[in-house]
């Protein structure tokens, strides 16, 4: 599945096994391996984490 943030396509394939969050970064592990996504504001980060949890 793909999520678009600020024109950037972020792909995540279930199952999501781990999620780690700090102020502007989200690290997660999906079927394809570990990924780190950086955000410029907290609102975008929160929206992405909600989407990530829902898939």
N, C-alpha and C. Protein backbone atom coordinates (compact mmCIF):
# COMPACT_ATOMS: atom_id res chain seq x y z
N UNK A 1 0.84 -1.17 0.00
CA UNK A 1 0.00 0.00 0.00
C UNK A 1 0.89 1.24 0.00
N UNK A 2 0.38 2.31 -0.57
CA UNK A 2 1.17 3.54 -0.69
C UNK A 2 0.44 4.70 -0.03
N UNK A 3 1.20 5.51 0.67
CA UNK A 3 0.68 6.72 1.32
C UNK A 3 1.46 7.90 0.73
N UNK A 4 0.79 9.01 0.43
CA UNK A 4 1.46 10.17 -0.16
C UNK A 4 1.51 11.30 0.87
N UNK A 5 2.73 11.78 1.14
CA UNK A 5 2.94 12.90 2.06
C UNK A 5 3.85 13.90 1.36
N UNK A 6 3.36 15.12 1.19
CA UNK A 6 4.13 16.18 0.53
C UNK A 6 4.68 15.73 -0.83
N UNK A 7 3.88 15.00 -1.57
CA UNK A 7 4.29 14.54 -2.89
C UNK A 7 5.21 13.34 -2.89
N UNK A 8 5.57 12.84 -1.72
CA UNK A 8 6.46 11.69 -1.60
C UNK A 8 5.61 10.43 -1.39
N UNK A 9 5.85 9.40 -2.20
CA UNK A 9 5.14 8.14 -2.07
C UNK A 9 5.88 7.25 -1.08
N UNK A 10 5.18 6.82 -0.04
CA UNK A 10 5.76 5.96 0.97
C UNK A 10 5.03 4.63 0.91
N UNK A 11 5.78 3.56 0.68
CA UNK A 11 5.19 2.24 0.51
C UNK A 11 5.38 1.41 1.78
N UNK A 12 4.33 0.69 2.16
CA UNK A 12 4.39 -0.22 3.30
C UNK A 12 3.57 -1.46 2.96
N UNK A 13 4.13 -2.62 3.23
CA UNK A 13 3.45 -3.88 2.95
C UNK A 13 3.18 -4.62 4.26
N UNK A 14 1.91 -4.90 4.55
CA UNK A 14 1.58 -5.65 5.77
C UNK A 14 2.23 -7.02 5.76
N UNK A 15 2.55 -7.59 6.87
CA UNK A 15 2.31 -7.09 8.21
C UNK A 15 3.40 -6.10 8.66
N UNK A 16 2.98 -5.09 9.40
CA UNK A 16 3.91 -4.15 10.03
C UNK A 16 4.27 -4.76 11.38
N UNK A 17 5.55 -5.09 11.58
CA UNK A 17 5.93 -5.79 12.81
C UNK A 17 6.41 -4.85 13.91
N UNK A 18 7.05 -3.72 13.55
CA UNK A 18 7.49 -2.77 14.57
C UNK A 18 7.29 -1.35 14.05
N UNK A 19 7.01 -0.44 14.99
CA UNK A 19 6.90 0.98 14.68
C UNK A 19 7.60 1.74 15.80
N UNK A 20 8.47 2.67 15.42
CA UNK A 20 9.16 3.51 16.39
C UNK A 20 9.00 4.96 15.94
N UNK A 21 8.63 5.84 16.88
CA UNK A 21 8.31 7.22 16.53
C UNK A 21 9.09 8.17 17.43
N UNK A 22 9.69 9.22 16.82
CA UNK A 22 10.20 10.34 17.61
C UNK A 22 9.62 11.62 17.01
N UNK A 23 10.15 12.77 17.32
CA UNK A 23 9.49 14.03 16.97
C UNK A 23 9.16 14.16 15.48
N UNK A 24 10.10 13.89 14.59
CA UNK A 24 9.86 14.07 13.16
C UNK A 24 10.14 12.83 12.31
N UNK A 25 10.42 11.70 12.92
CA UNK A 25 10.75 10.48 12.18
C UNK A 25 9.89 9.31 12.61
N UNK A 26 9.61 8.44 11.66
CA UNK A 26 8.92 7.19 11.94
C UNK A 26 9.74 6.07 11.31
N UNK A 27 10.12 5.11 12.14
CA UNK A 27 10.82 3.93 11.65
C UNK A 27 9.86 2.75 11.79
N UNK A 28 9.81 1.91 10.77
CA UNK A 28 8.93 0.75 10.84
C UNK A 28 9.54 -0.40 10.06
N UNK A 29 9.09 -1.60 10.40
CA UNK A 29 9.52 -2.81 9.70
C UNK A 29 8.28 -3.46 9.11
N UNK A 30 8.34 -3.67 7.80
CA UNK A 30 7.22 -4.32 7.13
C UNK A 30 7.72 -5.60 6.46
N UNK A 31 6.92 -6.14 5.57
CA UNK A 31 7.27 -7.38 4.89
C UNK A 31 8.58 -7.27 4.11
N UNK A 32 8.90 -6.09 3.61
CA UNK A 32 10.10 -5.90 2.78
C UNK A 32 11.32 -5.45 3.56
N UNK A 33 11.19 -5.13 4.85
CA UNK A 33 12.34 -4.74 5.65
C UNK A 33 12.11 -3.43 6.39
N UNK A 34 13.19 -2.91 6.98
CA UNK A 34 13.12 -1.70 7.80
C UNK A 34 13.16 -0.44 6.94
N UNK A 35 12.39 0.56 7.35
CA UNK A 35 12.35 1.85 6.65
C UNK A 35 12.27 2.97 7.67
N UNK A 36 12.85 4.12 7.33
CA UNK A 36 12.75 5.32 8.15
C UNK A 36 12.20 6.43 7.27
N UNK A 37 11.18 7.12 7.76
CA UNK A 37 10.55 8.21 7.02
C UNK A 37 10.66 9.47 7.87
N UNK A 38 11.15 10.56 7.27
CA UNK A 38 11.27 11.84 7.97
C UNK A 38 10.16 12.78 7.53
N UNK A 39 9.65 13.56 8.47
CA UNK A 39 8.57 14.50 8.22
C UNK A 39 9.01 15.91 8.63
N UNK A 40 8.36 16.92 8.05
CA UNK A 40 8.70 18.30 8.38
C UNK A 40 7.81 18.87 9.48
N UNK A 41 6.69 18.19 9.75
CA UNK A 41 5.84 18.66 10.84
C UNK A 41 5.16 17.48 11.54
N UNK A 42 4.73 17.72 12.75
CA UNK A 42 4.17 16.67 13.59
C UNK A 42 2.82 16.19 13.06
N UNK A 43 2.02 17.07 12.48
CA UNK A 43 0.70 16.68 11.96
C UNK A 43 0.83 15.62 10.87
N UNK A 44 1.76 15.80 9.94
CA UNK A 44 1.97 14.80 8.88
C UNK A 44 2.42 13.48 9.47
N UNK A 45 3.30 13.55 10.47
CA UNK A 45 3.80 12.34 11.12
C UNK A 45 2.65 11.58 11.78
N UNK A 46 1.78 12.28 12.50
CA UNK A 46 0.66 11.63 13.17
C UNK A 46 -0.30 11.00 12.16
N UNK A 47 -0.56 11.69 11.07
CA UNK A 47 -1.44 11.15 10.03
C UNK A 47 -0.84 9.88 9.44
N UNK A 48 0.47 9.85 9.21
CA UNK A 48 1.14 8.69 8.66
C UNK A 48 1.07 7.51 9.64
N UNK A 49 1.30 7.77 10.91
CA UNK A 49 1.27 6.69 11.91
C UNK A 49 -0.14 6.10 11.99
N UNK A 50 -1.17 6.94 11.94
CA UNK A 50 -2.55 6.43 11.95
C UNK A 50 -2.79 5.52 10.74
N UNK A 51 -2.30 5.95 9.57
CA UNK A 51 -2.46 5.14 8.36
C UNK A 51 -1.69 3.82 8.51
N UNK A 52 -0.47 3.90 9.02
CA UNK A 52 0.38 2.73 9.16
C UNK A 52 -0.27 1.69 10.09
N UNK A 53 -0.86 2.14 11.16
CA UNK A 53 -1.52 1.24 12.10
C UNK A 53 -2.76 0.61 11.48
N UNK A 54 -3.43 1.34 10.60
CA UNK A 54 -4.69 0.85 10.04
C UNK A 54 -4.52 -0.20 8.93
N UNK A 55 -3.32 -0.32 8.35
CA UNK A 55 -3.17 -1.29 7.26
C UNK A 55 -2.88 -2.68 7.76
